[in-house]
Amino acid sequence: MKTVSMTQRLLALVQVVEGDCWKPRRYIEPHGYARLMIGGELRYLHILSYETFVGPVPKGKELDHICRHTWYFNWEHVEPVTSRVNSLRGEHPLFKACREGRCLKGHDVSGGNVYRRCDGRPRCRQCELDRRRKAA
């Protein structure tokens, strides 16, 4: 019986190449990631691809899809980063606002409109003033 290597198995899944991105023929789940059953365990294709072609994901890191398409699995299109960096690069409204230098209400959060809470997190001064006015 012929044994198929993980490299051959992964490359056989490539359906469409957009640029250098690899889109799988199947296994895309509703949450937008592609997974494959390996040894009775569902594994994310982008992690499996990285581990196969590069090596283990460094401790304390997770893989960020540089191309922003979570179902693609080319190991060259993911980067090991901290969870914080991965989140800040994402499309969540809070992180988009942070990248644009504003709070969720649209206020500029540079210079004097920012202060640090006692826990060290930044806070929009204008939002805090609005909150206090409303509460009074």
Protein backbone atom coordinates (compact mmCIF):
# COMPACT_ATOMS: atom_id res chain seq x y z
CA MET A 1 0.00 0.00 0.00
CA LYS A 2 1.37 3.42 -0.99
CA THR A 3 1.75 5.98 1.81
CA VAL A 4 0.87 9.56 0.93
CA SER A 5 3.00 12.20 2.62
CA MET A 6 1.41 15.18 4.35
CA THR A 7 3.02 17.43 1.72
CA GLN A 8 1.33 15.48 -1.09
CA ARG A 9 -1.98 15.44 0.79
CA LEU A 10 -1.94 19.20 1.32
CA LEU A 11 -0.90 20.01 -2.24
CA ALA A 12 -3.69 17.76 -3.55
CA LEU A 13 -6.21 20.02 -1.77
CA VAL A 14 -5.24 23.16 -3.69
CA GLN A 15 -8.14 24.12 -5.94
CA VAL A 16 -7.55 27.70 -6.93
CA VAL A 17 -4.42 29.75 -6.80
CA GLU A 18 -5.18 33.47 -6.55
CA GLY A 19 -1.81 35.13 -6.70
CA ASP A 20 0.08 32.69 -4.53
CA CYS A 21 -2.84 31.92 -2.20
CA TRP A 22 -4.01 28.33 -1.89
CA LYS A 23 -7.75 27.79 -1.67
CA PRO A 24 -8.82 24.27 -0.68
CA ARG A 25 -11.12 22.18 -2.85
CA ARG A 26 -13.29 21.47 0.20
CA TYR A 27 -13.24 21.56 4.00
CA ILE A 28 -14.20 25.23 4.36
CA GLU A 29 -16.34 25.57 7.45
CA PRO A 30 -19.07 28.16 8.15
CA HIS A 31 -16.74 30.15 10.45
CA GLY A 32 -14.41 30.71 7.51
CA TYR A 33 -11.49 28.39 8.29
CA ALA A 34 -10.54 25.26 6.38
CA ARG A 35 -10.02 22.10 8.41
CA LEU A 36 -9.00 18.55 7.63
CA MET A 37 -9.35 15.31 9.60
CA ILE A 38 -5.89 13.96 10.48
CA GLY A 39 -5.62 10.90 12.71
CA GLY A 40 -9.13 11.35 14.05
CA GLU A 41 -8.57 15.03 14.87
CA LEU A 42 -9.85 18.06 12.95
CA ARG A 43 -6.87 20.31 12.18
CA TYR A 44 -6.81 23.80 10.67
CA LEU A 45 -5.22 23.66 7.22
CA HIS A 46 -3.16 26.83 7.64
CA ILE A 47 -1.56 25.47 10.81
CA LEU A 48 -1.05 22.04 9.29
CA SER A 49 0.54 23.61 6.21
CA TYR A 50 2.86 25.78 8.32
CA GLU A 51 3.91 22.82 10.47
CA THR A 52 4.50 20.66 7.39
CA PHE A 53 6.56 23.15 5.38
CA VAL A 54 8.18 25.28 8.12
CA GLY A 55 7.96 23.62 11.52
CA PRO A 56 6.10 24.08 14.78
CA VAL A 57 4.34 27.36 15.48
CA PRO A 58 6.58 29.21 17.97
CA LYS A 59 5.42 29.07 21.58
CA GLY A 60 3.20 32.01 22.53
CA LYS A 61 2.40 32.78 18.89
CA GLU A 62 -0.51 32.12 16.57
CA LEU A 63 -0.68 32.27 12.79
CA ASP A 64 -2.04 35.43 11.21
CA HIS A 65 -3.31 35.25 7.62
CA ILE A 66 -1.40 38.04 5.89
CA CYS A 67 -3.77 37.90 2.92
CA ARG A 68 -6.77 38.24 5.35
CA HIS A 69 -8.49 35.13 3.88
CA THR A 70 -8.83 32.62 6.72
CA TRP A 71 -9.69 29.70 4.44
CA TYR A 72 -6.44 29.99 2.45
CA PHE A 73 -3.62 27.77 3.61
CA ASN A 74 -0.38 28.67 1.84
CA TRP A 75 2.25 28.53 4.59
CA GLU A 76 4.03 31.52 3.02
CA HIS A 77 0.94 33.66 3.64
CA VAL A 78 0.74 33.25 7.39
CA GLU A 79 2.95 34.84 10.00
CA PRO A 80 3.50 33.76 13.60
CA VAL A 81 2.50 36.72 15.79
CA THR A 82 1.17 37.30 19.29
CA SER A 83 -2.56 37.10 19.86
CA ARG A 84 -2.61 40.88 20.41
CA VAL A 85 -0.95 41.62 17.07
CA ASN A 86 -3.26 39.17 15.30
CA SER A 87 -6.32 40.84 16.87
CA LEU A 88 -5.13 44.36 16.09
CA ARG A 89 -4.69 43.41 12.44
CA GLY A 90 -8.25 42.04 12.29
CA GLU A 91 -11.47 43.54 11.00
CA HIS A 92 -13.30 43.94 14.32
CA PRO A 93 -14.66 47.53 14.58
CA LEU A 94 -12.67 48.21 17.74
CA PHE A 95 -9.37 47.22 16.14
CA LYS A 96 -10.14 49.07 12.90
CA ALA A 97 -10.84 52.22 14.94
CA CYS A 98 -7.61 51.71 16.89
CA ARG A 99 -5.57 51.48 13.67
CA GLU A 100 -7.25 54.67 12.42
CA GLY A 101 -6.45 56.55 15.64
CA ARG A 102 -10.03 56.96 16.82
CA CYS A 103 -12.40 55.48 19.37
CA LEU A 104 -15.54 53.54 18.44
CA LYS A 105 -17.57 56.78 18.55
CA GLY A 106 -15.22 58.35 16.01
CA HIS A 107 -13.31 60.72 18.31
CA ASP A 108 -9.63 61.31 17.62
CA VAL A 109 -7.62 59.48 20.28
CA SER A 110 -4.31 61.22 19.88
CA GLY A 111 -2.63 63.76 22.10
CA GLY A 112 -4.81 65.33 24.79
CA ASN A 113 -7.94 63.31 24.07
CA VAL A 114 -6.43 60.16 25.58
CA TYR A 115 -5.73 59.28 29.17
CA ARG A 116 -4.77 56.03 30.87
CA ARG A 117 -7.14 54.28 33.20
CA CYS A 118 -5.80 52.86 36.46
CA ASP A 119 -5.40 49.48 34.71
CA GLY A 120 -3.18 51.13 32.09
CA ARG A 121 -5.65 50.94 29.20
CA PRO A 122 -6.17 54.06 27.10
CA ARG A 123 -9.50 55.84 27.32
CA CYS A 124 -11.07 58.45 25.07
CA ARG A 125 -11.39 61.66 27.12
CA GLN A 126 -14.34 62.92 25.04
CA CYS A 127 -16.29 59.66 25.52
CA GLU A 128 -15.64 59.80 29.25
CA LEU A 129 -16.87 63.43 29.41
CA ASP A 130 -19.99 62.49 27.41
CA ARG A 131 -20.62 59.53 29.73
CA ARG A 132 -20.32 61.70 32.85
CA ARG A 133 -22.62 64.39 31.41
CA LYS A 134 -25.24 61.79 30.58
CA ALA A 135 -25.01 60.25 34.04
CA ALA A 136 -25.43 63.64 35.81
